[in-house]
């Protein structure tokens, strides 16, 4: 984990944004021996949260990559291939609108707070990884299985 990641998390927390850290970064935060290639942050899409997230993006020096606020609120405006709305470099922090397996609300209700970072539960991450099943997901599932 690096300073940029912690800076973004601090901003999200300061603005009370509803988010979850998912993917390899979540595994690392849960204590697994996994070095993430990037940091995936899943955002809740409701009007209040989108407004708060917009303030965070402005502090990071960007906007919603040309998306209108109303489009973000109406989740159906995104095709299935639009998942990432903003990548903050150089640390490769990806903000995601959707994830596989469960709804944001289902996962958020079981979040694990680690060092004041909202992290998806291992159980929900396991389900998510089984849904996507890329080669890296297969490796992560094996890591989860051997460390249960």
C-alpha atoms as a PDB file:
ATOM      1  CA  UNK A   1       0.000   0.000   0.000  1.00  0.00           C
ATOM      2  CA  UNK A   2       1.322   3.421  -0.788  1.00  0.00           C
ATOM      3  CA  UNK A   3       0.813   7.044   0.198  1.00  0.00           C
ATOM      4  CA  UNK A   4      -1.497   7.857  -2.737  1.00  0.00           C
ATOM      5  CA  UNK A   5      -3.836   5.046  -1.732  1.00  0.00           C
ATOM      6  CA  UNK A   6      -3.971   6.251   1.875  1.00  0.00           C
ATOM      7  CA  UNK A   7      -4.503   9.834   0.702  1.00  0.00           C
ATOM      8  CA  UNK A   8      -7.510   8.781  -1.396  1.00  0.00           C
ATOM      9  CA  UNK A   9      -8.917   6.711   1.480  1.00  0.00           C
ATOM     10  CA  UNK A  10      -8.544   9.694   3.834  1.00  0.00           C
ATOM     11  CA  UNK A  11     -10.481  11.891   1.377  1.00  0.00           C
ATOM     12  CA  UNK A  12     -13.225   9.291   0.952  1.00  0.00           C
ATOM     13  CA  UNK A  13     -13.556   8.971   4.719  1.00  0.00           C
ATOM     14  CA  UNK A  14     -13.456  12.745   5.272  1.00  0.00           C
ATOM     15  CA  UNK A  15     -16.386  13.173   2.867  1.00  0.00           C
ATOM     16  CA  UNK A  16     -18.221  10.127   4.283  1.00  0.00           C
ATOM     17  CA  UNK A  17     -18.268   8.387   0.912  1.00  0.00           C
ATOM     18  CA  UNK A  18     -19.695   4.865   0.867  1.00  0.00           C
ATOM     19  CA  UNK A  19     -16.985   2.717  -0.710  1.00  0.00           C
ATOM     20  CA  UNK A  20     -15.369  -0.691  -0.424  1.00  0.00           C
ATOM     21  CA  UNK A  21     -11.818  -1.703  -1.234  1.00  0.00           C
ATOM     22  CA  UNK A  22     -12.028  -4.855  -3.360  1.00  0.00           C
ATOM     23  CA  UNK A  23      -9.660  -7.090  -5.346  1.00  0.00           C
ATOM     24  CA  UNK A  24      -6.023  -7.727  -4.544  1.00  0.00           C
ATOM     25  CA  UNK A  25      -5.787  -4.692  -2.274  1.00  0.00           C
ATOM     26  CA  UNK A  26      -8.587  -6.149  -0.138  1.00  0.00           C
ATOM     27  CA  UNK A  27      -6.663  -9.409   0.170  1.00  0.00           C
ATOM     28  CA  UNK A  28      -3.535  -7.511   1.229  1.00  0.00           C
ATOM     29  CA  UNK A  29      -5.499  -5.526   3.819  1.00  0.00           C
ATOM     30  CA  UNK A  30      -6.956  -8.775   5.195  1.00  0.00           C
ATOM     31  CA  UNK A  31      -3.377  -9.939   5.802  1.00  0.00           C
ATOM     32  CA  UNK A  32      -2.843 -12.219   2.811  1.00  0.00           C
ATOM     33  CA  UNK A  33       0.555 -12.323   1.118  1.00  0.00           C
ATOM     34  CA  UNK A  34      -0.682 -10.576  -2.018  1.00  0.00           C
ATOM     35  CA  UNK A  35       0.864  -7.537  -3.674  1.00  0.00           C
ATOM     36  CA  UNK A  36      -1.853  -5.790  -5.690  1.00  0.00           C
ATOM     37  CA  UNK A  37      -1.155  -4.480  -9.204  1.00  0.00           C
ATOM     38  CA  UNK A  38      -3.670  -1.740  -8.581  1.00  0.00           C
ATOM     39  CA  UNK A  39      -6.191  -0.560  -6.016  1.00  0.00           C
ATOM     40  CA  UNK A  40      -9.861  -1.122  -6.777  1.00  0.00           C
ATOM     41  CA  UNK A  41     -12.400   1.007  -4.926  1.00  0.00           C
ATOM     42  CA  UNK A  42     -16.069   0.181  -5.433  1.00  0.00           C
ATOM     43  CA  UNK A  43     -18.390   3.167  -5.036  1.00  0.00           C
ATOM     44  CA  UNK A  44     -22.031   3.135  -4.005  1.00  0.00           C
ATOM     45  CA  UNK A  45     -24.116   4.849  -6.644  1.00  0.00           C
ATOM     46  CA  UNK A  46     -26.824   6.943  -5.043  1.00  0.00           C
ATOM     47  CA  UNK A  47     -27.352  10.674  -5.306  1.00  0.00           C
ATOM     48  CA  UNK A  48     -25.853  11.597  -1.941  1.00  0.00           C
ATOM     49  CA  UNK A  49     -22.798   9.398  -2.422  1.00  0.00           C
ATOM     50  CA  UNK A  50     -22.178  10.583  -5.975  1.00  0.00           C
ATOM     51  CA  UNK A  51     -22.181  14.205  -4.812  1.00  0.00           C
ATOM     52  CA  UNK A  52     -19.674  13.372  -2.064  1.00  0.00           C
ATOM     53  CA  UNK A  53     -17.513  11.401  -4.498  1.00  0.00           C
ATOM     54  CA  UNK A  54     -17.527  14.316  -6.919  1.00  0.00           C
ATOM     55  CA  UNK A  55     -15.994  16.491  -4.175  1.00  0.00           C
ATOM     56  CA  UNK A  56     -13.261  13.897  -3.631  1.00  0.00           C
ATOM     57  CA  UNK A  57     -12.517  13.769  -7.362  1.00  0.00           C
ATOM     58  CA  UNK A  58     -12.264  17.557  -7.480  1.00  0.00           C
ATOM     59  CA  UNK A  59      -9.705  17.454  -4.672  1.00  0.00           C
ATOM     60  CA  UNK A  60      -7.802  14.861  -6.698  1.00  0.00           C
ATOM     61  CA  UNK A  61      -7.876  17.234  -9.662  1.00  0.00           C
ATOM     62  CA  UNK A  62     -10.350  15.434 -11.879  1.00  0.00           C
ATOM     63  CA  UNK A  63     -14.018  14.953 -12.632  1.00  0.00           C
ATOM     64  CA  UNK A  64     -16.172  12.019 -13.668  1.00  0.00           C
ATOM     65  CA  UNK A  65     -14.456  11.697 -17.066  1.00  0.00           C
ATOM     66  CA  UNK A  66     -17.238  13.600 -18.767  1.00  0.00           C
ATOM     67  CA  UNK A  67     -20.139  11.675 -17.247  1.00  0.00           C
ATOM     68  CA  UNK A  68     -23.016  13.771 -16.040  1.00  0.00           C
ATOM     69  CA  UNK A  69     -24.002  13.491 -12.387  1.00  0.00           C
ATOM     70  CA  UNK A  70     -27.479  12.324 -13.401  1.00  0.00           C
ATOM     71  CA  UNK A  71     -25.956   9.511 -15.485  1.00  0.00           C
ATOM     72  CA  UNK A  72     -23.998   8.257 -12.515  1.00  0.00           C
ATOM     73  CA  UNK A  73     -27.089   8.255 -10.343  1.00  0.00           C
ATOM     74  CA  UNK A  74     -29.043   6.365 -12.996  1.00  0.00           C
ATOM     75  CA  UNK A  75     -26.840   3.278 -12.924  1.00  0.00           C
ATOM     76  CA  UNK A  76     -28.633   1.893 -15.963  1.00  0.00           C
ATOM     77  CA  UNK A  77     -26.956   4.591 -18.058  1.00  0.00           C
ATOM     78  CA  UNK A  78     -23.826   2.446 -18.038  1.00  0.00           C
ATOM     79  CA  UNK A  79     -23.381  -0.473 -20.353  1.00  0.00           C
ATOM     80  CA  UNK A  80     -22.022  -3.674 -18.807  1.00  0.00           C
ATOM     81  CA  UNK A  81     -18.531  -2.828 -20.034  1.00  0.00           C
ATOM     82  CA  UNK A  82     -18.326   0.519 -18.218  1.00  0.00           C
ATOM     83  CA  UNK A  83     -16.961  -0.368 -14.815  1.00  0.00           C
ATOM     84  CA  UNK A  84     -14.210   2.123 -14.092  1.00  0.00           C
ATOM     85  CA  UNK A  85     -15.033   5.821 -14.100  1.00  0.00           C
ATOM     86  CA  UNK A  86     -11.751   7.241 -12.905  1.00  0.00           C
ATOM     87  CA  UNK A  87      -8.182   6.043 -12.465  1.00  0.00           C
ATOM     88  CA  UNK A  88      -5.908   8.017 -10.198  1.00  0.00           C
ATOM     89  CA  UNK A  89      -2.250   7.614 -11.105  1.00  0.00           C
ATOM     90  CA  UNK A  90       0.600   7.003 -10.483  1.00  0.00           C
ATOM     91  CA  UNK A  91      -0.669   4.419  -8.005  1.00  0.00           C
ATOM     92  CA  UNK A  92      -3.340   3.016 -10.356  1.00  0.00           C
ATOM     93  CA  UNK A  93      -6.338   3.539  -8.122  1.00  0.00           C
ATOM     94  CA  UNK A  94      -9.470   2.511 -10.027  1.00  0.00           C
ATOM     95  CA  UNK A  95     -12.902   3.678  -8.944  1.00  0.00           C
ATOM     96  CA  UNK A  96     -15.537   1.123  -9.900  1.00  0.00           C
ATOM     97  CA  UNK A  97     -19.272   1.482 -10.324  1.00  0.00           C
ATOM     98  CA  UNK A  98     -20.081  -2.185 -10.226  1.00  0.00           C
ATOM     99  CA  UNK A  99     -18.613  -5.530  -9.324  1.00  0.00           C
ATOM    100  CA  UNK A 100     -19.542  -9.138  -9.884  1.00  0.00           C
ATOM    101  CA  UNK A 101     -21.319 -11.456  -7.487  1.00  0.00           C
ATOM    102  CA  UNK A 102     -23.391  -9.325  -5.139  1.00  0.00           C
ATOM    103  CA  UNK A 103     -24.853  -5.851  -4.851  1.00  0.00           C
ATOM    104  CA  UNK A 104     -22.971  -3.037  -3.206  1.00  0.00           C
ATOM    105  CA  UNK A 105     -25.516  -2.913  -0.386  1.00  0.00           C
ATOM    106  CA  UNK A 106     -25.144  -6.631   0.359  1.00  0.00           C
ATOM    107  CA  UNK A 107     -21.366  -6.320   0.565  1.00  0.00           C
ATOM    108  CA  UNK A 108     -21.376  -2.991   2.419  1.00  0.00           C
ATOM    109  CA  UNK A 109     -23.547  -4.466   5.172  1.00  0.00           C
ATOM    110  CA  UNK A 110     -20.745  -6.949   5.910  1.00  0.00           C
ATOM    111  CA  UNK A 111     -17.731  -4.682   5.405  1.00  0.00           C
ATOM    112  CA  UNK A 112     -14.636  -5.148   7.516  1.00  0.00           C
ATOM    113  CA  UNK A 113     -13.046  -1.984   8.894  1.00  0.00           C
ATOM    114  CA  UNK A 114      -9.256  -2.344   8.795  1.00  0.00           C
ATOM    115  CA  UNK A 115      -7.234   0.669   9.945  1.00  0.00           C
ATOM    116  CA  UNK A 116     -10.233   2.892   9.159  1.00  0.00           C
ATOM    117  CA  UNK A 117     -10.456   1.479   5.614  1.00  0.00           C
ATOM    118  CA  UNK A 118     -13.762  -0.035   4.453  1.00  0.00           C
ATOM    119  CA  UNK A 119     -12.855  -3.429   3.007  1.00  0.00           C
ATOM    120  CA  UNK A 120     -15.057  -6.095   1.439  1.00  0.00           C
ATOM    121  CA  UNK A 121     -15.391  -9.249   3.543  1.00  0.00           C
ATOM    122  CA  UNK A 122     -13.364 -12.301   2.547  1.00  0.00           C
ATOM    123  CA  UNK A 123     -16.602 -14.239   1.985  1.00  0.00           C
ATOM    124  CA  UNK A 124     -17.947 -11.639  -0.453  1.00  0.00           C
ATOM    125  CA  UNK A 125     -14.561 -11.267  -2.134  1.00  0.00           C
ATOM    126  CA  UNK A 126     -14.487 -15.042  -2.617  1.00  0.00           C
ATOM    127  CA  UNK A 127     -17.895 -14.907  -4.347  1.00  0.00           C
ATOM    128  CA  UNK A 128     -16.781 -11.964  -6.493  1.00  0.00           C
ATOM    129  CA  UNK A 129     -13.587 -13.738  -7.569  1.00  0.00           C
ATOM    130  CA  UNK A 130     -15.540 -16.896  -8.484  1.00  0.00           C
ATOM    131  CA  UNK A 131     -17.804 -14.794 -10.724  1.00  0.00           C
ATOM    132  CA  UNK A 132     -15.003 -13.117 -12.685  1.00  0.00           C
ATOM    133  CA  UNK A 133     -12.551 -16.039 -12.706  1.00  0.00           C
ATOM    134  CA  UNK A 134      -9.667 -14.422 -14.540  1.00  0.00           C
ATOM    135  CA  UNK A 135      -6.265 -16.108 -14.074  1.00  0.00           C
ATOM    136  CA  UNK A 136      -5.419 -13.711 -11.231  1.00  0.00           C
ATOM    137  CA  UNK A 137      -8.768 -14.532  -9.599  1.00  0.00           C
ATOM    138  CA  UNK A 138      -7.966 -18.247  -9.725  1.00  0.00           C
ATOM    139  CA  UNK A 139      -4.670 -17.524  -7.952  1.00  0.00           C
ATOM    140  CA  UNK A 140      -6.467 -15.388  -5.358  1.00  0.00           C
ATOM    141  CA  UNK A 141      -9.082 -18.096  -4.760  1.00  0.00           C
ATOM    142  CA  UNK A 142      -6.315 -20.612  -4.138  1.00  0.00           C
ATOM    143  CA  UNK A 143      -4.691 -18.173  -1.715  1.00  0.00           C
ATOM    144  CA  UNK A 144      -7.993 -17.742   0.142  1.00  0.00           C
ATOM    145  CA  UNK A 145      -8.605 -21.500   0.211  1.00  0.00           C
ATOM    146  CA  UNK A 146      -5.165 -22.361   1.601  1.00  0.00           C
ATOM    147  CA  UNK A 147      -5.373 -19.680   4.298  1.00  0.00           C
ATOM    148  CA  UNK A 148      -8.839 -20.447   5.700  1.00  0.00           C
END
